[in-house]
C-alpha cells in the first residue's frame, strides 16, 4: 500500500506544488489517488499556512477531499499544530467531521491521551514512531499498542547514504510491536532510499511532498501525483 502525504508542515516557501488550501489539497489528493495512492494523509492549514487541529478547518479539508476521492483520509495530530496536549485532546473531541485515521507521534507529550481520545471517537490511530526518539520504547510499553491501526515508522535521518541503516535500526527497535502492521517511510534525502527498502521488505510506505520535494533522480517534483507515479514504478520493479 502506498499512502500519499500531501503537504506536511511545509509552507509556501517550499514551492507552489505544496497544497495549502482545502481546494488545493482536494485537487492534489484526487490526482495522487488517480496515480495509484491507496490512502491520503494531510495536514489541515490555517489561512496563514500553519498546521491546525481546528474543528472548522479539519471539517473543511476532509469534506473537500472526500468529495473527490473514495479512499481512507487521515490527518496529523502533531504537537506543533497544538503544543498543549490538553488543548489537543479538546480539539479532537470537538471535531465535527472525523478522519478515517490520525497519526499520533508517540514521543510527544500527551501522546497516549491523544490516542485514547481518537479511539474513543472511533478514529483509527497510526502510531508515529520516529527514529532518534524514545517513541519505540514508549510504544512497546503502551497499553494502547494493540489497538492501533498501524505503526508509522518515520526515519528522520535525511542523509541518503545512511537512511537505510537508520531505518533497519528503527525496525529492530520495533520488534516488540510484531504483529502490528508497519508503514515505513523517510523524509527529504532519506525518503527514496527508505521507500525502496520498504518495498523490498514488503511493507506499506508513503510518498508525497511532505516527505520529498524531489523525484528519485533529484529533479524537483511538480506534484504529489508525480511522486506517487515514481513510487508505483519502483514498486513494479521490486515485484
Protein backbone atom coordinates (compact mmCIF):
# COMPACT_ATOMS: atom_id res chain seq x y z
CA UNK A 1 0.00 0.00 0.00
CA UNK A 2 1.27 3.45 -0.92
CA UNK A 3 -0.13 6.36 1.04
CA UNK A 4 0.24 9.92 -0.26
CA UNK A 5 1.32 12.57 2.26
CA UNK A 6 0.10 15.75 0.61
CA UNK A 7 1.80 18.62 2.42
CA UNK A 8 3.04 18.03 5.96
CA UNK A 9 4.22 21.07 7.92
CA UNK A 10 5.62 22.60 4.73
CA UNK A 11 4.70 26.11 3.63
CA UNK A 12 4.61 28.25 0.51
CA UNK A 13 8.36 28.70 0.95
CA UNK A 14 8.75 25.05 -0.10
CA UNK A 15 7.26 25.71 -3.52
CA UNK A 16 3.99 26.25 -5.33
CA UNK A 17 3.40 22.49 -5.68
CA UNK A 18 2.66 22.11 -1.95
CA UNK A 19 -1.16 22.26 -1.47
CA UNK A 20 -2.11 24.63 1.35
CA UNK A 21 -5.86 25.32 0.91
CA UNK A 22 -8.73 22.81 1.13
CA UNK A 23 -9.37 23.21 -2.62
CA UNK A 24 -5.71 22.64 -3.49
CA UNK A 25 -5.46 19.68 -1.11
CA UNK A 26 -8.53 18.08 -2.66
CA UNK A 27 -7.23 18.54 -6.20
CA UNK A 28 -3.84 17.15 -5.26
CA UNK A 29 -5.42 14.19 -3.47
CA UNK A 30 -7.57 13.36 -6.49
CA UNK A 31 -4.55 13.40 -8.81
CA UNK A 32 -2.48 11.29 -6.40
CA UNK A 33 -5.20 8.67 -5.99
CA UNK A 34 -5.59 8.52 -9.76
CA UNK A 35 -1.83 7.89 -9.93
CA UNK A 36 -2.14 4.95 -7.54
CA UNK A 37 -2.23 6.20 -3.95
CA UNK A 38 -4.42 4.00 -1.75
CA UNK A 39 -4.73 6.44 1.17
CA UNK A 40 -4.32 10.13 1.88
CA UNK A 41 -2.50 11.79 4.80
CA UNK A 42 -2.97 15.54 5.08
CA UNK A 43 -2.16 18.45 7.39
CA UNK A 44 -5.07 20.91 7.57
CA UNK A 45 -3.82 24.51 7.46
CA UNK A 46 -4.88 27.91 8.73
CA UNK A 47 -5.18 30.70 6.13
CA UNK A 48 -1.64 31.67 7.18
CA UNK A 49 -0.38 28.21 6.26
CA UNK A 50 0.17 26.83 9.76
CA UNK A 51 -0.86 23.30 10.73
CA UNK A 52 -4.02 23.24 12.84
CA UNK A 53 -6.39 20.86 14.60
CA UNK A 54 -9.22 23.40 14.44
CA UNK A 55 -12.57 21.58 14.10
CA UNK A 56 -13.70 24.05 11.42
CA UNK A 57 -10.57 23.65 9.31
CA UNK A 58 -10.39 19.88 9.73
CA UNK A 59 -14.01 19.63 8.60
CA UNK A 60 -13.40 21.83 5.56
CA UNK A 61 -10.36 19.85 4.48
CA UNK A 62 -11.89 16.41 4.99
CA UNK A 63 -15.12 17.40 3.26
CA UNK A 64 -13.23 18.81 0.27
CA UNK A 65 -11.01 15.75 -0.13
CA UNK A 66 -13.81 13.22 0.34
CA UNK A 67 -15.82 14.95 -2.36
CA UNK A 68 -13.23 13.83 -4.92
CA UNK A 69 -11.70 10.58 -3.59
CA UNK A 70 -13.08 7.38 -2.09
CA UNK A 71 -10.09 6.17 -0.06
CA UNK A 72 -9.21 6.49 3.66
CA UNK A 73 -8.13 10.00 4.64
CA UNK A 74 -6.01 10.69 7.71
CA UNK A 75 -4.75 13.82 9.45
CA UNK A 76 -1.90 14.78 11.74
CA UNK A 77 -2.15 15.43 15.45
CA UNK A 78 1.45 16.67 15.67
CA UNK A 79 2.34 18.75 18.72
CA UNK A 80 3.46 21.61 16.50
CA UNK A 81 -0.19 22.04 15.45
CA UNK A 82 -1.21 22.41 19.12
CA UNK A 83 1.60 22.28 21.70
CA UNK A 84 -0.71 21.90 24.72
CA UNK A 85 -1.75 18.21 24.94
CA UNK A 86 -4.88 19.09 26.92
CA UNK A 87 -5.97 21.52 24.24
CA UNK A 88 -5.07 18.94 21.58
CA UNK A 89 -7.50 16.46 23.14
CA UNK A 90 -10.18 19.13 23.46
CA UNK A 91 -9.92 19.95 19.76
CA UNK A 92 -10.14 16.29 18.77
CA UNK A 93 -13.25 15.87 20.89
CA UNK A 94 -14.75 18.92 19.16
CA UNK A 95 -14.19 17.64 15.60
CA UNK A 96 -17.49 17.62 13.70
CA UNK A 97 -16.13 15.66 10.74
CA UNK A 98 -13.91 12.71 11.61
CA UNK A 99 -10.93 11.41 9.63
CA UNK A 100 -10.57 7.70 8.99
CA UNK A 101 -7.32 7.72 10.93
CA UNK A 102 -4.90 10.14 12.55
CA UNK A 103 -1.19 9.94 13.28
CA UNK A 104 -0.01 10.29 16.88
CA UNK A 105 3.70 10.78 17.48
CA UNK A 106 4.42 8.53 20.46
CA UNK A 107 7.43 10.53 21.68
CA UNK A 108 5.34 13.68 22.13
CA UNK A 109 3.96 14.72 25.49
CA UNK A 110 0.37 13.55 25.92
CA UNK A 111 0.52 11.02 23.07
CA UNK A 112 -1.44 8.35 24.94
CA UNK A 113 -4.18 10.82 25.89
CA UNK A 114 -4.41 11.97 22.29
CA UNK A 115 -4.56 8.39 21.00
CA UNK A 116 -7.21 7.49 23.57
CA UNK A 117 -9.34 10.48 22.56
CA UNK A 118 -9.17 9.40 18.91
CA UNK A 119 -10.06 5.81 19.70
CA UNK A 120 -12.99 6.97 21.85
CA UNK A 121 -14.32 8.78 18.80
CA UNK A 122 -13.87 5.77 16.52
CA UNK A 123 -10.86 7.19 14.69
CA UNK A 124 -8.08 4.71 13.90
CA UNK A 125 -4.61 5.60 15.16
CA UNK A 126 -1.33 5.50 13.27
CA UNK A 127 1.37 5.30 15.95
CA UNK A 128 4.12 7.61 14.74
CA UNK A 129 7.46 6.19 15.86
CA UNK A 130 10.35 8.45 14.86
CA UNK A 131 13.96 7.38 14.65
CA UNK A 132 16.20 9.15 17.14
CA UNK A 133 13.45 9.36 19.80
CA UNK A 134 12.22 7.13 22.62
CA UNK A 135 8.98 6.54 20.71
CA UNK A 136 9.66 2.84 20.12
CA UNK A 137 10.30 2.21 23.81
CA UNK A 138 7.21 4.12 24.88
CA UNK A 139 5.07 2.34 22.32
CA UNK A 140 6.42 -1.02 23.45
CA UNK A 141 5.05 -0.48 26.97
CA UNK A 142 1.83 1.26 25.93
CA UNK A 143 -1.49 -0.27 26.91
CA UNK A 144 -2.87 1.09 23.63
CA UNK A 145 -0.29 -0.59 21.40
CA UNK A 146 -2.57 -3.47 20.43
CA UNK A 147 -5.36 -1.07 19.42
CA UNK A 148 -3.55 0.98 16.76
CA UNK A 149 -4.21 0.62 13.04
CA UNK A 150 -0.51 0.53 12.22
CA UNK A 151 2.91 1.77 13.22
CA UNK A 152 4.04 4.74 11.17
CA UNK A 153 7.81 4.19 11.30
CA UNK A 154 9.38 7.51 10.34
CA UNK A 155 13.08 7.72 9.53
CA UNK A 156 14.13 11.27 10.30
CA UNK A 157 17.68 10.76 9.00
CA UNK A 158 17.80 12.96 5.86
CA UNK A 159 21.11 11.52 4.64
CA UNK A 160 20.62 9.27 1.63
CA UNK A 161 23.77 7.30 2.45
CA UNK A 162 22.76 6.37 6.00
CA UNK A 163 18.93 6.47 5.97
CA UNK A 164 18.55 2.77 5.13
CA UNK A 165 20.79 1.80 8.04
CA UNK A 166 18.78 4.08 10.32
CA UNK A 167 15.57 2.50 9.02
CA UNK A 168 16.77 -1.01 9.77
CA UNK A 169 17.71 0.10 13.27
CA UNK A 170 14.26 1.58 13.80
CA UNK A 171 12.60 -1.62 12.61
CA UNK A 172 14.74 -3.58 15.07
CA UNK A 173 13.59 -1.28 17.88
CA UNK A 174 10.02 -2.04 16.87
CA UNK A 175 10.49 -5.79 17.19
CA UNK A 176 8.35 -5.69 20.33
CA UNK A 177 5.46 -4.50 18.19
CA UNK A 178 5.50 -7.59 15.99
CA UNK A 179 2.06 -8.33 14.66
CA UNK A 180 1.21 -4.65 14.22
CA UNK A 181 1.30 -3.54 10.56
CA UNK A 182 4.17 -1.17 9.76
CA UNK A 183 4.24 1.68 7.27
CA UNK A 184 7.89 2.64 6.75
CA UNK A 185 8.92 5.96 5.28
CA UNK A 186 11.71 8.52 5.29
CA UNK A 187 12.00 12.22 4.65
CA UNK A 188 13.95 14.58 2.44
CA UNK A 189 17.24 12.94 1.35
CA UNK A 190 16.28 9.70 3.03
CA UNK A 191 12.80 9.46 1.52
CA UNK A 192 13.60 7.44 -1.59
CA UNK A 193 16.19 5.07 -0.04
CA UNK A 194 13.75 4.24 2.77
CA UNK A 195 10.84 3.82 0.34
CA UNK A 196 12.92 1.37 -1.71
CA UNK A 197 13.73 -0.57 1.47
CA UNK A 198 10.06 -0.69 2.44
CA UNK A 199 9.18 -2.10 -0.97
CA UNK A 200 11.92 -4.74 -0.74
CA UNK A 201 10.68 -5.76 2.71
CA UNK A 202 7.05 -5.88 1.57
CA UNK A 203 5.98 -3.10 3.94
CA UNK A 204 3.45 -0.36 3.38
CA UNK A 205 5.02 3.00 2.62
CA UNK A 206 4.15 6.55 1.69
CA UNK A 207 5.35 9.34 -0.53
CA UNK A 208 4.39 12.92 -1.18
CA UNK A 209 5.50 16.49 -0.82
CA UNK A 210 5.54 16.18 2.97
CA UNK A 211 8.39 13.69 2.71
CA UNK A 212 10.15 14.61 -0.53
CA UNK A 213 10.27 17.63 -2.80
CA UNK A 214 12.24 15.81 -5.47
CA UNK A 215 11.88 12.77 -7.70
CA UNK A 216 14.22 9.77 -7.37
CA UNK A 217 16.62 11.37 -9.87
CA UNK A 218 16.82 14.56 -7.79
CA UNK A 219 14.74 16.73 -10.10
CA UNK A 220 12.08 18.96 -8.48
CA UNK A 221 8.70 17.27 -8.19
CA UNK A 222 5.82 19.06 -9.88
CA UNK A 223 3.08 17.37 -7.85
CA UNK A 224 2.13 14.67 -5.38
CA UNK A 225 0.80 12.63 -8.29
CA UNK A 226 4.24 12.63 -9.90
CA UNK A 227 5.82 11.31 -6.70
CA UNK A 228 3.18 8.59 -6.39
CA UNK A 229 3.77 7.58 -10.01
CA UNK A 230 7.50 7.25 -9.32
CA UNK A 231 6.78 5.14 -6.23
CA UNK A 232 4.41 2.91 -8.17
CA UNK A 233 7.07 2.40 -10.85
CA UNK A 234 9.62 1.41 -8.19
CA UNK A 235 7.05 -0.97 -6.67
CA UNK A 236 6.60 -2.72 -10.02
CA UNK A 237 10.35 -3.20 -10.43
CA UNK A 238 10.63 -4.67 -6.92
CA UNK A 239 7.95 -7.33 -7.53
